[in-house]
Amino acid sequence: MITQEINDVNYLAIKKIIDEFTDNGKNDKWFLTPIEDLEFTIRTENCLKFAGICTLEELKQKTDYELRIIPQFGKKCLAEVRAILKHLENKNVD
């Protein structure tokens, strides 16, 4: 249920990034997108910044455990991050 709500909320932001990079021939650079561009919730974005995670590339490399040990990063934050990464992978961007 949470994942579906997150997908609905962030779909337009994700689609914009995907479209921008695929339309401009930048398929190899999508992973450099700053996390701010994905419109995460404030808590998720702040936790990621606190942990020094600034781009999709850095975020994609993290395991669930590595994310969960970030202070204040709970189940909802993890679900939000995983939903966005799954959506991007389903779009065959990488």
C-alpha atoms as a PDB file:
ATOM      1  CA  MET A   1       0.000   0.000   0.000  1.00  0.00           C
ATOM      2  CA  ILE A   2       2.756   2.450   0.925  1.00  0.00           C
ATOM      3  CA  THR A   3       4.699   1.586  -2.227  1.00  0.00           C
ATOM      4  CA  GLN A   4       1.682   2.313  -4.428  1.00  0.00           C
ATOM      5  CA  GLU A   5       1.134   5.705  -2.781  1.00  0.00           C
ATOM      6  CA  ILE A   6       4.807   6.569  -3.213  1.00  0.00           C
ATOM      7  CA  ASN A   7       4.742   5.529  -6.858  1.00  0.00           C
ATOM      8  CA  ASP A   8       1.701   7.724  -7.453  1.00  0.00           C
ATOM      9  CA  VAL A   9       3.224  10.747  -5.739  1.00  0.00           C
ATOM     10  CA  ASN A  10       6.654  10.541  -7.347  1.00  0.00           C
ATOM     11  CA  TYR A  11       5.645   9.205 -10.757  1.00  0.00           C
ATOM     12  CA  LEU A  12       5.700  12.581 -12.502  1.00  0.00           C
ATOM     13  CA  ALA A  13       9.094  13.538 -11.095  1.00  0.00           C
ATOM     14  CA  ILE A  14      10.573  10.184 -12.105  1.00  0.00           C
ATOM     15  CA  LYS A  15       8.987  10.311 -15.555  1.00  0.00           C
ATOM     16  CA  LYS A  16      10.380  13.810 -16.104  1.00  0.00           C
ATOM     17  CA  ILE A  17      13.914  12.633 -15.320  1.00  0.00           C
ATOM     18  CA  ILE A  18      13.613   9.540 -17.496  1.00  0.00           C
ATOM     19  CA  ASP A  19      12.161  11.517 -20.399  1.00  0.00           C
ATOM     20  CA  GLU A  20      14.797  14.225 -20.104  1.00  0.00           C
ATOM     21  CA  PHE A  21      17.693  11.812 -20.269  1.00  0.00           C
ATOM     22  CA  THR A  22      16.279   9.480 -22.904  1.00  0.00           C
ATOM     23  CA  ASP A  23      15.103  12.300 -25.176  1.00  0.00           C
ATOM     24  CA  ASN A  24      18.454  14.051 -25.074  1.00  0.00           C
ATOM     25  CA  GLY A  25      20.598  10.972 -25.632  1.00  0.00           C
ATOM     26  CA  LYS A  26      21.910  11.026 -22.077  1.00  0.00           C
ATOM     27  CA  ASN A  27      21.052   7.434 -21.170  1.00  0.00           C
ATOM     28  CA  ASP A  28      24.475   6.946 -19.630  1.00  0.00           C
ATOM     29  CA  LYS A  29      24.144   9.964 -17.327  1.00  0.00           C
ATOM     30  CA  TRP A  30      20.755   9.413 -15.631  1.00  0.00           C
ATOM     31  CA  PHE A  31      22.475   8.065 -12.539  1.00  0.00           C
ATOM     32  CA  LEU A  32      24.074  11.465 -11.901  1.00  0.00           C
ATOM     33  CA  THR A  33      20.638  12.899 -11.120  1.00  0.00           C
ATOM     34  CA  PRO A  34      20.593  14.571  -7.691  1.00  0.00           C
ATOM     35  CA  ILE A  35      18.238  12.989  -5.190  1.00  0.00           C
ATOM     36  CA  GLU A  36      16.533  16.370  -4.775  1.00  0.00           C
ATOM     37  CA  ASP A  37      15.114  16.009  -8.290  1.00  0.00           C
ATOM     38  CA  LEU A  38      13.083  12.957  -7.294  1.00  0.00           C
ATOM     39  CA  GLU A  39      10.986  14.862  -4.787  1.00  0.00           C
ATOM     40  CA  PHE A  40      11.472  12.470  -1.900  1.00  0.00           C
ATOM     41  CA  THR A  41       9.669  13.282   1.312  1.00  0.00           C
ATOM     42  CA  ILE A  42      11.566  15.751   3.464  1.00  0.00           C
ATOM     43  CA  ARG A  43      12.553  13.091   5.993  1.00  0.00           C
ATOM     44  CA  THR A  44      13.913  10.735   3.335  1.00  0.00           C
ATOM     45  CA  GLU A  45      15.810  13.463   1.528  1.00  0.00           C
ATOM     46  CA  ASN A  46      17.328  14.804   4.749  1.00  0.00           C
ATOM     47  CA  CYS A  47      18.373  11.331   5.895  1.00  0.00           C
ATOM     48  CA  LEU A  48      20.036  10.618   2.552  1.00  0.00           C
ATOM     49  CA  LYS A  49      21.851  13.945   2.603  1.00  0.00           C
ATOM     50  CA  PHE A  50      22.979  13.326   6.193  1.00  0.00           C
ATOM     51  CA  ALA A  51      24.457  10.010   5.058  1.00  0.00           C
ATOM     52  CA  GLY A  52      26.257  11.720   2.154  1.00  0.00           C
ATOM     53  CA  ILE A  53      24.078  10.165  -0.537  1.00  0.00           C
ATOM     54  CA  CYS A  54      23.571  12.824  -3.190  1.00  0.00           C
ATOM     55  CA  THR A  55      22.944  11.049  -6.504  1.00  0.00           C
ATOM     56  CA  LEU A  56      20.936   8.114  -7.799  1.00  0.00           C
ATOM     57  CA  GLU A  57      24.174   6.246  -8.455  1.00  0.00           C
ATOM     58  CA  GLU A  58      25.157   6.462  -4.785  1.00  0.00           C
ATOM     59  CA  LEU A  59      21.657   5.538  -3.684  1.00  0.00           C
ATOM     60  CA  LYS A  60      21.429   2.536  -5.986  1.00  0.00           C
ATOM     61  CA  GLN A  61      24.634   1.083  -4.549  1.00  0.00           C
ATOM     62  CA  LYS A  62      23.279   0.988  -0.983  1.00  0.00           C
ATOM     63  CA  THR A  63      21.783  -2.130   0.543  1.00  0.00           C
ATOM     64  CA  ASP A  64      18.640  -2.072   2.644  1.00  0.00           C
ATOM     65  CA  TYR A  65      20.777  -2.579   5.742  1.00  0.00           C
ATOM     66  CA  GLU A  66      23.060   0.344   4.884  1.00  0.00           C
ATOM     67  CA  LEU A  67      20.036   2.586   4.451  1.00  0.00           C
ATOM     68  CA  ARG A  68      18.245   1.396   7.586  1.00  0.00           C
ATOM     69  CA  ILE A  69      21.210   2.221   9.834  1.00  0.00           C
ATOM     70  CA  ILE A  70      20.985   5.879   8.816  1.00  0.00           C
ATOM     71  CA  PRO A  71      19.516   7.761  11.802  1.00  0.00           C
ATOM     72  CA  GLN A  72      15.757   8.410  11.445  1.00  0.00           C
ATOM     73  CA  PHE A  73      15.586   6.320   8.239  1.00  0.00           C
ATOM     74  CA  GLY A  74      12.722   3.914   8.867  1.00  0.00           C
ATOM     75  CA  LYS A  75      10.540   1.476   6.973  1.00  0.00           C
ATOM     76  CA  LYS A  76       8.596   4.172   5.141  1.00  0.00           C
ATOM     77  CA  CYS A  77      11.771   5.872   3.930  1.00  0.00           C
ATOM     78  CA  LEU A  78      13.140   2.545   2.755  1.00  0.00           C
ATOM     79  CA  ALA A  79       9.887   1.721   0.965  1.00  0.00           C
ATOM     80  CA  GLU A  80       9.959   5.105  -0.754  1.00  0.00           C
ATOM     81  CA  VAL A  81      13.543   4.680  -1.951  1.00  0.00           C
ATOM     82  CA  ARG A  82      13.022   1.110  -3.139  1.00  0.00           C
ATOM     83  CA  ALA A  83       9.825   2.045  -4.997  1.00  0.00           C
ATOM     84  CA  ILE A  84      11.617   4.770  -6.922  1.00  0.00           C
ATOM     85  CA  LEU A  85      14.604   2.558  -7.745  1.00  0.00           C
ATOM     86  CA  LYS A  86      12.304  -0.247  -8.854  1.00  0.00           C
ATOM     87  CA  HIS A  87      10.365   2.130 -11.068  1.00  0.00           C
ATOM     88  CA  LEU A  88      13.550   3.387 -12.680  1.00  0.00           C
ATOM     89  CA  GLU A  89      14.811  -0.145 -13.279  1.00  0.00           C
ATOM     90  CA  ASN A  90      11.474  -1.139 -14.821  1.00  0.00           C
ATOM     91  CA  LYS A  91      11.854   1.716 -17.290  1.00  0.00           C
ATOM     92  CA  ASN A  92      15.145   0.156 -18.512  1.00  0.00           C
ATOM     93  CA  VAL A  93      16.979   3.401 -17.997  1.00  0.00           C
ATOM     94  CA  ASP A  94      20.266   1.866 -17.068  1.00  0.00           C
END
